[in-house]
Amino acid sequence: MKHILLKLIIVFLLTATIPPVHGGWFDKKEDPSQKRLVQVEQELTQQRKANDSLSVIIGILGIGCVLLLVIGTALGSKIRRHHEHQP
């Protein structure tokens, strides 16, 4: 039991003496390349949102065109049959 407590005390002392680690690529808080990276990420996010909305619109238009093609084909077939039977 004493060994476990001694080990815990050593671990706590070591963690208290280690300086906090800065996660990321940049050391300075106001790095111009970091600002540029954040700006580019925001632009890419906006472009992705625009592309996603455009792909939804294009998909809906594509489905509408297929439906119109089917309806037009059905109407054309019906009209052709109607005119073939007339003398």
PDB file of N, CA and C in Angstrom:
ATOM      1  N   MET A   1       0.828  -1.188   0.000  1.00  0.00           N
ATOM      2  CA  MET A   1       0.000   0.000   0.000  1.00  0.00           C
ATOM      3  C   MET A   1       0.877   1.259   0.000  1.00  0.00           C
ATOM      4  N   LYS A   2       1.990   1.186   0.737  1.00  0.00           N
ATOM      5  CA  LYS A   2       2.892   2.338   0.789  1.00  0.00           C
ATOM      6  C   LYS A   2       3.514   2.596  -0.575  1.00  0.00           C
ATOM      7  N   HIS A   3       3.801   1.528  -1.322  1.00  0.00           N
ATOM      8  CA  HIS A   3       4.422   1.689  -2.628  1.00  0.00           C
ATOM      9  C   HIS A   3       3.474   2.371  -3.609  1.00  0.00           C
ATOM     10  N   ILE A   4       2.203   2.026  -3.518  1.00  0.00           N
ATOM     11  CA  ILE A   4       1.216   2.631  -4.410  1.00  0.00           C
ATOM     12  C   ILE A   4       1.065   4.109  -4.089  1.00  0.00           C
ATOM     13  N   LEU A   5       0.995   4.448  -2.803  1.00  0.00           N
ATOM     14  CA  LEU A   5       0.890   5.851  -2.418  1.00  0.00           C
ATOM     15  C   LEU A   5       2.140   6.630  -2.806  1.00  0.00           C
ATOM     16  N   LEU A   6       3.302   6.026  -2.644  1.00  0.00           N
ATOM     17  CA  LEU A   6       4.553   6.677  -3.027  1.00  0.00           C
ATOM     18  C   LEU A   6       4.590   6.922  -4.531  1.00  0.00           C
ATOM     19  N   LYS A   7       4.162   5.947  -5.307  1.00  0.00           N
ATOM     20  CA  LYS A   7       4.126   6.109  -6.758  1.00  0.00           C
ATOM     21  C   LYS A   7       3.140   7.197  -7.177  1.00  0.00           C
ATOM     22  N   LEU A   8       1.978   7.237  -6.517  1.00  0.00           N
ATOM     23  CA  LEU A   8       1.000   8.282  -6.833  1.00  0.00           C
ATOM     24  C   LEU A   8       1.534   9.670  -6.506  1.00  0.00           C
ATOM     25  N   ILE A   9       2.224   9.795  -5.382  1.00  0.00           N
ATOM     26  CA  ILE A   9       2.803  11.090  -5.006  1.00  0.00           C
ATOM     27  C   ILE A   9       3.854  11.500  -6.026  1.00  0.00           C
ATOM     28  N   ILE A  10       4.685  10.574  -6.472  1.00  0.00           N
ATOM     29  CA  ILE A  10       5.722  10.890  -7.465  1.00  0.00           C
ATOM     30  C   ILE A  10       5.069  11.319  -8.785  1.00  0.00           C
ATOM     31  N   VAL A  11       4.035  10.619  -9.190  1.00  0.00           N
ATOM     32  CA  VAL A  11       3.348  10.974 -10.442  1.00  0.00           C
ATOM     33  C   VAL A  11       2.732  12.363 -10.326  1.00  0.00           C
ATOM     34  N   PHE A  12       2.082  12.673  -9.211  1.00  0.00           N
ATOM     35  CA  PHE A  12       1.493  13.993  -9.040  1.00  0.00           C
ATOM     36  C   PHE A  12       2.554  15.084  -9.019  1.00  0.00           C
ATOM     37  N   LEU A  13       3.681  14.833  -8.400  1.00  0.00           N
ATOM     38  CA  LEU A  13       4.760  15.822  -8.395  1.00  0.00           C
ATOM     39  C   LEU A  13       5.325  16.037  -9.798  1.00  0.00           C
ATOM     40  N   LEU A  14       5.484  14.968 -10.532  1.00  0.00           N
ATOM     41  CA  LEU A  14       5.990  15.106 -11.898  1.00  0.00           C
ATOM     42  C   LEU A  14       5.015  15.874 -12.791  1.00  0.00           C
ATOM     43  N   THR A  15       3.737  15.590 -12.648  1.00  0.00           N
ATOM     44  CA  THR A  15       2.761  16.302 -13.477  1.00  0.00           C
ATOM     45  C   THR A  15       2.641  17.767 -13.071  1.00  0.00           C
ATOM     46  N   ALA A  16       2.917  18.066 -11.825  1.00  0.00           N
ATOM     47  CA  ALA A  16       2.859  19.457 -11.389  1.00  0.00           C
ATOM     48  C   ALA A  16       4.057  20.250 -11.884  1.00  0.00           C
ATOM     49  N   THR A  17       5.190  19.603 -12.095  1.00  0.00           N
ATOM     50  CA  THR A  17       6.392  20.320 -12.504  1.00  0.00           C
ATOM     51  C   THR A  17       6.533  20.412 -14.025  1.00  0.00           C
ATOM     52  N   ILE A  18       5.820  19.603 -14.784  1.00  0.00           N
ATOM     53  CA  ILE A  18       5.922  19.643 -16.245  1.00  0.00           C
ATOM     54  C   ILE A  18       5.108  20.824 -16.753  1.00  0.00           C
ATOM     55  N   PRO A  19       5.697  21.662 -17.614  1.00  0.00           N
ATOM     56  CA  PRO A  19       4.950  22.818 -18.141  1.00  0.00           C
ATOM     57  C   PRO A  19       3.849  22.347 -19.099  1.00  0.00           C
ATOM     58  N   PRO A  20       2.800  23.134 -19.220  1.00  0.00           N
ATOM     59  CA  PRO A  20       1.717  22.750 -20.127  1.00  0.00           C
ATOM     60  C   PRO A  20       2.201  22.735 -21.577  1.00  0.00           C
ATOM     61  N   VAL A  21       1.690  21.827 -22.330  1.00  0.00           N
ATOM     62  CA  VAL A  21       2.100  21.663 -23.720  1.00  0.00           C
ATOM     63  C   VAL A  21       1.139  22.413 -24.616  1.00  0.00           C
ATOM     64  N   HIS A  22       1.711  23.138 -25.576  1.00  0.00           N
ATOM     65  CA  HIS A  22       0.898  23.862 -26.551  1.00  0.00           C
ATOM     66  C   HIS A  22       0.602  22.929 -27.717  1.00  0.00           C
ATOM     67  N   GLY A  23      -0.659  22.596 -27.892  1.00  0.00           N
ATOM     68  CA  GLY A  23      -1.034  21.717 -29.001  1.00  0.00           C
ATOM     69  C   GLY A  23      -1.221  22.526 -30.262  1.00  0.00           C
ATOM     70  N   GLY A  24      -0.566  22.156 -31.300  1.00  0.00           N
ATOM     71  CA  GLY A  24      -0.695  22.849 -32.576  1.00  0.00           C
ATOM     72  C   GLY A  24       0.646  23.006 -33.243  1.00  0.00           C
ATOM     73  N   TRP A  25       0.607  23.651 -34.396  1.00  0.00           N
ATOM     74  CA  TRP A  25       1.828  23.815 -35.176  1.00  0.00           C
ATOM     75  C   TRP A  25       2.578  25.087 -34.835  1.00  0.00           C
ATOM     76  N   PHE A  26       1.900  26.043 -34.232  1.00  0.00           N
ATOM     77  CA  PHE A  26       2.469  27.373 -34.059  1.00  0.00           C
ATOM     78  C   PHE A  26       2.786  27.636 -32.592  1.00  0.00           C
ATOM     79  N   ASP A  27       3.910  28.273 -32.355  1.00  0.00           N
ATOM     80  CA  ASP A  27       4.328  28.580 -30.992  1.00  0.00           C
ATOM     81  C   ASP A  27       3.744  29.907 -30.516  1.00  0.00           C
ATOM     82  N   LYS A  28       3.776  30.906 -31.376  1.00  0.00           N
ATOM     83  CA  LYS A  28       3.272  32.220 -30.998  1.00  0.00           C
ATOM     84  C   LYS A  28       1.747  32.230 -31.043  1.00  0.00           C
ATOM     85  N   LYS A  29       1.167  33.072 -30.201  1.00  0.00           N
ATOM     86  CA  LYS A  29      -0.289  33.162 -30.200  1.00  0.00           C
ATOM     87  C   LYS A  29      -0.793  33.971 -31.393  1.00  0.00           C
ATOM     88  N   GLU A  30      -0.064  34.972 -31.812  1.00  0.00           N
ATOM     89  CA  GLU A  30      -0.466  35.836 -32.922  1.00  0.00           C
ATOM     90  C   GLU A  30       0.451  35.596 -34.116  1.00  0.00           C
ATOM     91  N   ASP A  31       0.431  34.422 -34.642  1.00  0.00           N
ATOM     92  CA  ASP A  31       1.262  34.073 -35.793  1.00  0.00           C
ATOM     93  C   ASP A  31       0.479  34.375 -37.073  1.00  0.00           C
ATOM     94  N   PRO A  32       1.054  35.118 -38.025  1.00  0.00           N
ATOM     95  CA  PRO A  32       0.318  35.453 -39.247  1.00  0.00           C
ATOM     96  C   PRO A  32      -0.037  34.211 -40.084  1.00  0.00           C
ATOM     97  N   SER A  33       0.824  33.219 -40.059  1.00  0.00           N
ATOM     98  CA  SER A  33       0.505  32.017 -40.834  1.00  0.00           C
ATOM     99  C   SER A  33      -0.660  31.263 -40.200  1.00  0.00           C
ATOM    100  N   GLN A  34      -0.792  31.354 -38.886  1.00  0.00           N
ATOM    101  CA  GLN A  34      -1.928  30.721 -38.221  1.00  0.00           C
ATOM    102  C   GLN A  34      -3.229  31.438 -38.612  1.00  0.00           C
ATOM    103  N   LYS A  35      -3.176  32.772 -38.670  1.00  0.00           N
ATOM    104  CA  LYS A  35      -4.355  33.530 -39.078  1.00  0.00           C
ATOM    105  C   LYS A  35      -4.751  33.174 -40.503  1.00  0.00           C
ATOM    106  N   ARG A  36      -3.769  33.052 -41.379  1.00  0.00           N
ATOM    107  CA  ARG A  36      -4.036  32.703 -42.773  1.00  0.00           C
ATOM    108  C   ARG A  36      -4.634  31.290 -42.872  1.00  0.00           C
ATOM    109  N   LEU A  37      -4.112  30.374 -42.072  1.00  0.00           N
ATOM    110  CA  LEU A  37      -4.629  29.009 -42.067  1.00  0.00           C
ATOM    111  C   LEU A  37      -6.087  28.984 -41.612  1.00  0.00           C
ATOM    112  N   VAL A  38      -6.405  29.732 -40.585  1.00  0.00           N
ATOM    113  CA  VAL A  38      -7.786  29.791 -40.091  1.00  0.00           C
ATOM    114  C   VAL A  38      -8.698  30.409 -41.153  1.00  0.00           C
ATOM    115  N   GLN A  39      -8.201  31.444 -41.831  1.00  0.00           N
ATOM    116  CA  GLN A  39      -8.987  32.088 -42.888  1.00  0.00           C
ATOM    117  C   GLN A  39      -9.252  31.121 -44.045  1.00  0.00           C
ATOM    118  N   VAL A  40      -8.238  30.372 -44.448  1.00  0.00           N
ATOM    119  CA  VAL A  40      -8.404  29.413 -45.543  1.00  0.00           C
ATOM    120  C   VAL A  40      -9.368  28.305 -45.137  1.00  0.00           C
ATOM    121  N   GLU A  41      -9.301  27.849 -43.905  1.00  0.00           N
ATOM    122  CA  GLU A  41     -10.235  26.827 -43.427  1.00  0.00           C
ATOM    123  C   GLU A  41     -11.670  27.335 -43.455  1.00  0.00           C
ATOM    124  N   GLN A  42     -11.868  28.599 -43.085  1.00  0.00           N
ATOM    125  CA  GLN A  42     -13.211  29.174 -43.117  1.00  0.00           C
ATOM    126  C   GLN A  42     -13.718  29.296 -44.551  1.00  0.00           C
ATOM    127  N   GLU A  43     -12.830  29.683 -45.474  1.00  0.00           N
ATOM    128  CA  GLU A  43     -13.224  29.776 -46.881  1.00  0.00           C
ATOM    129  C   GLU A  43     -13.604  28.405 -47.433  1.00  0.00           C
ATOM    130  N   LEU A  44     -12.827  27.391 -47.082  1.00  0.00           N
ATOM    131  CA  LEU A  44     -13.144  26.042 -47.541  1.00  0.00           C
ATOM    132  C   LEU A  44     -14.470  25.550 -46.982  1.00  0.00           C
ATOM    133  N   THR A  45     -14.759  25.902 -45.739  1.00  0.00           N
ATOM    134  CA  THR A  45     -16.031  25.516 -45.139  1.00  0.00           C
ATOM    135  C   THR A  45     -17.193  26.186 -45.870  1.00  0.00           C
ATOM    136  N   GLN A  46     -17.034  27.462 -46.210  1.00  0.00           N
ATOM    137  CA  GLN A  46     -18.081  28.170 -46.944  1.00  0.00           C
ATOM    138  C   GLN A  46     -18.269  27.580 -48.336  1.00  0.00           C
ATOM    139  N   GLN A  47     -17.166  27.241 -49.008  1.00  0.00           N
ATOM    140  CA  GLN A  47     -17.269  26.638 -50.336  1.00  0.00           C
ATOM    141  C   GLN A  47     -17.960  25.282 -50.269  1.00  0.00           C
ATOM    142  N   ARG A  48     -17.644  24.501 -49.250  1.00  0.00           N
ATOM    143  CA  ARG A  48     -18.272  23.193 -49.097  1.00  0.00           C
ATOM    144  C   ARG A  48     -19.780  23.343 -48.890  1.00  0.00           C
ATOM    145  N   LYS A  49     -20.189  24.328 -48.075  1.00  0.00           N
ATOM    146  CA  LYS A  49     -21.619  24.553 -47.865  1.00  0.00           C
ATOM    147  C   LYS A  49     -22.289  24.942 -49.173  1.00  0.00           C
ATOM    148  N   ALA A  50     -21.639  25.813 -49.954  1.00  0.00           N
ATOM    149  CA  ALA A  50     -22.212  26.239 -51.228  1.00  0.00           C
ATOM    150  C   ALA A  50     -22.298  25.058 -52.195  1.00  0.00           C
ATOM    151  N   ASN A  51     -21.256  24.242 -52.245  1.00  0.00           N
ATOM    152  CA  ASN A  51     -21.265  23.088 -53.145  1.00  0.00           C
ATOM    153  C   ASN A  51     -22.310  22.065 -52.726  1.00  0.00           C
ATOM    154  N   ASP A  52     -22.492  21.875 -51.430  1.00  0.00           N
ATOM    155  CA  ASP A  52     -23.507  20.937 -50.955  1.00  0.00           C
ATOM    156  C   ASP A  52     -24.902  21.399 -51.356  1.00  0.00           C
ATOM    157  N   SER A  53     -25.167  22.701 -51.207  1.00  0.00           N
ATOM    158  CA  SER A  53     -26.488  23.206 -51.574  1.00  0.00           C
ATOM    159  C   SER A  53     -26.683  23.132 -53.084  1.00  0.00           C
ATOM    160  N   LEU A  54     -25.619  23.390 -53.858  1.00  0.00           N
ATOM    161  CA  LEU A  54     -25.736  23.288 -55.306  1.00  0.00           C
ATOM    162  C   LEU A  54     -25.962  21.844 -55.741  1.00  0.00           C
ATOM    163  N   SER A  55     -25.313  20.911 -55.096  1.00  0.00           N
ATOM    164  CA  SER A  55     -25.510  19.511 -55.476  1.00  0.00           C
ATOM    165  C   SER A  55     -26.932  19.058 -55.169  1.00  0.00           C
ATOM    166  N   VAL A  56     -27.524  19.565 -54.113  1.00  0.00           N
ATOM    167  CA  VAL A  56     -28.916  19.234 -53.804  1.00  0.00           C
ATOM    168  C   VAL A  56     -29.834  19.811 -54.882  1.00  0.00           C
ATOM    169  N   ILE A  57     -29.583  21.051 -55.270  1.00  0.00           N
ATOM    170  CA  ILE A  57     -30.402  21.695 -56.310  1.00  0.00           C
ATOM    171  C   ILE A  57     -30.257  20.947 -57.629  1.00  0.00           C
ATOM    172  N   ILE A  58     -29.036  20.578 -57.989  1.00  0.00           N
ATOM    173  CA  ILE A  58     -28.800  19.856 -59.242  1.00  0.00           C
ATOM    174  C   ILE A  58     -29.487  18.488 -59.203  1.00  0.00           C
ATOM    175  N   GLY A  59     -29.441  17.819 -58.079  1.00  0.00           N
ATOM    176  CA  GLY A  59     -30.121  16.534 -57.948  1.00  0.00           C
ATOM    177  C   GLY A  59     -31.622  16.660 -58.121  1.00  0.00           C
ATOM    178  N   ILE A  60     -32.204  17.681 -57.520  1.00  0.00           N
ATOM    179  CA  ILE A  60     -33.651  17.896 -57.642  1.00  0.00           C
ATOM    180  C   ILE A  60     -34.015  18.209 -59.090  1.00  0.00           C
ATOM    181  N   LEU A  61     -33.200  19.049 -59.760  1.00  0.00           N
ATOM    182  CA  LEU A  61     -33.466  19.352 -61.164  1.00  0.00           C
ATOM    183  C   LEU A  61     -33.334  18.106 -62.037  1.00  0.00           C
ATOM    184  N   GLY A  62     -32.361  17.255 -61.745  1.00  0.00           N
ATOM    185  CA  GLY A  62     -32.189  16.018 -62.495  1.00  0.00           C
ATOM    186  C   GLY A  62     -33.390  15.100 -62.350  1.00  0.00           C
ATOM    187  N   ILE A  63     -33.879  14.951 -61.132  1.00  0.00           N
ATOM    188  CA  ILE A  63     -35.067  14.116 -60.897  1.00  0.00           C
ATOM    189  C   ILE A  63     -36.275  14.715 -61.609  1.00  0.00           C
ATOM    190  N   GLY A  64     -36.393  16.036 -61.579  1.00  0.00           N
ATOM    191  CA  GLY A  64     -37.499  16.698 -62.287  1.00  0.00           C
ATOM    192  C   GLY A  64     -37.432  16.461 -63.784  1.00  0.00           C
ATOM    193  N   CYS A  65     -36.232  16.514 -64.351  1.00  0.00           N
ATOM    194  CA  CYS A  65     -36.082  16.267 -65.790  1.00  0.00           C
ATOM    195  C   CYS A  65     -36.454  14.832 -66.144  1.00  0.00           C
ATOM    196  N   VAL A  66     -36.060  13.887 -65.319  1.00  0.00           N
ATOM    197  CA  VAL A  66     -36.425  12.484 -65.582  1.00  0.00           C
ATOM    198  C   VAL A  66     -37.935  12.312 -65.508  1.00  0.00           C
ATOM    199  N   LEU A  67     -38.570  12.933 -64.525  1.00  0.00           N
ATOM    200  CA  LEU A  67     -40.024  12.835 -64.419  1.00  0.00           C
ATOM    201  C   LEU A  67     -40.708  13.464 -65.629  1.00  0.00           C
ATOM    202  N   LEU A  68     -40.222  14.618 -66.072  1.00  0.00           N
ATOM    203  CA  LEU A  68     -40.804  15.250 -67.252  1.00  0.00           C
ATOM    204  C   LEU A  68     -40.601  14.394 -68.495  1.00  0.00           C
ATOM    205  N   LEU A  69     -39.454  13.727 -68.599  1.00  0.00           N
ATOM    206  CA  LEU A  69     -39.200  12.839 -69.723  1.00  0.00           C
ATOM    207  C   LEU A  69     -40.190  11.673 -69.721  1.00  0.00           C
ATOM    208  N   VAL A  70     -40.410  11.088 -68.548  1.00  0.00           N
ATOM    209  CA  VAL A  70     -41.354   9.971 -68.455  1.00  0.00           C
ATOM    210  C   VAL A  70     -42.766  10.432 -68.777  1.00  0.00           C
ATOM    211  N   ILE A  71     -43.166  11.574 -68.245  1.00  0.00           N
ATOM    212  CA  ILE A  71     -44.510  12.092 -68.512  1.00  0.00           C
ATOM    213  C   ILE A  71     -44.664  12.421 -70.000  1.00  0.00           C
ATOM    214  N   GLY A  72     -43.666  13.058 -70.588  1.00  0.00           N
ATOM    215  CA  GLY A  72     -43.731  13.386 -72.017  1.00  0.00           C
ATOM    216  C   GLY A  72     -43.782  12.154 -72.890  1.00  0.00           C
ATOM    217  N   THR A  73     -43.013  11.143 -72.541  1.00  0.00           N
ATOM    218  CA  THR A  73     -43.036   9.900 -73.306  1.00  0.00           C
ATOM    219  C   THR A  73     -44.400   9.224 -73.199  1.00  0.00           C
ATOM    220  N   ALA A  74     -44.961   9.206 -72.012  1.00  0.00           N
ATOM    221  CA  ALA A  74     -46.279   8.595 -71.829  1.00  0.00           C
ATOM    222  C   ALA A  74     -47.340   9.357 -72.610  1.00  0.00           C
ATOM    223  N   LEU A  75     -47.299  10.688 -72.558  1.00  0.00           N
ATOM    224  CA  LEU A  75     -48.278  11.479 -73.311  1.00  0.00           C
ATOM    225  C   LEU A  75     -48.106  11.280 -74.811  1.00  0.00           C
ATOM    226  N   GLY A  76     -46.861  11.263 -75.275  1.00  0.00           N
ATOM    227  CA  GLY A  76     -46.613  11.066 -76.700  1.00  0.00           C
ATOM    228  C   GLY A  76     -47.095   9.710 -77.172  1.00  0.00           C
ATOM    229  N   SER A  77     -46.880   8.702 -76.375  1.00  0.00           N
ATOM    230  CA  SER A  77     -47.339   7.362 -76.723  1.00  0.00           C
ATOM    231  C   SER A  77     -48.865   7.308 -76.772  1.00  0.00           C
ATOM    232  N   LYS A  78     -49.502   7.959 -75.820  1.00  0.00           N
ATOM    233  CA  LYS A  78     -50.962   7.960 -75.773  1.00  0.00           C
ATOM    234  C   LYS A  78     -51.535   8.711 -76.979  1.00  0.00           C
ATOM    235  N   ILE A  79     -50.944   9.826 -77.330  1.00  0.00           N
ATOM    236  CA  ILE A  79     -51.420  10.603 -78.475  1.00  0.00           C
ATOM    237  C   ILE A  79     -51.196   9.818 -79.763  1.00  0.00           C
ATOM    238  N   ARG A  80     -50.072   9.143 -79.911  1.00  0.00           N
ATOM    239  CA  ARG A  80     -49.790   8.357 -81.111  1.00  0.00           C
ATOM    240  C   ARG A  80     -50.805   7.229 -81.249  1.00  0.00           C
ATOM    241  N   ARG A  81     -51.094   6.544 -80.157  1.00  0.00           N
ATOM    242  CA  ARG A  81     -52.099   5.466 -80.217  1.00  0.00           C
ATOM    243  C   ARG A  81     -53.470   6.004 -80.590  1.00  0.00           C
ATOM    244  N   HIS A  82     -53.788   7.174 -80.056  1.00  0.00           N
ATOM    245  CA  HIS A  82     -55.096   7.775 -80.343  1.00  0.00           C
ATOM    246  C   HIS A  82     -55.221   8.130 -81.820  1.00  0.00           C
ATOM    247  N   HIS A  83     -54.153   8.650 -82.423  1.00  0.00           N
ATOM    248  CA  HIS A  83     -54.200   9.051 -83.827  1.00  0.00           C
ATOM    249  C   HIS A  83     -54.088   7.860 -84.765  1.00  0.00           C
ATOM    250  N   GLU A  84     -53.513   6.732 -84.346  1.00  0.00           N
ATOM    251  CA  GLU A  84     -53.418   5.558 -85.201  1.00  0.00           C
ATOM    252  C   GLU A  84     -54.771   4.899 -85.418  1.00  0.00           C
ATOM    253  N   HIS A  85     -55.647   4.992 -84.456  1.00  0.00           N
ATOM    254  CA  HIS A  85     -56.941   4.327 -84.556  1.00  0.00           C
ATOM    255  C   HIS A  85     -57.938   5.114 -85.373  1.00  0.00           C
ATOM    256  N   GLN A  86     -57.675   6.352 -85.645  1.00  0.00           N
ATOM    257  CA  GLN A  86     -58.625   7.139 -86.433  1.00  0.00           C
ATOM    258  C   GLN A  86     -58.460   6.817 -87.919  1.00  0.00           C
ATOM    259  N   PRO A  87     -59.576   6.727 -88.652  1.00  0.00           N
ATOM    260  CA  PRO A  87     -59.480   6.396 -90.082  1.00  0.00           C
ATOM    261  C   PRO A  87     -59.040   7.543 -90.948  1.00  0.00           C
TER     262      PRO A  87
END
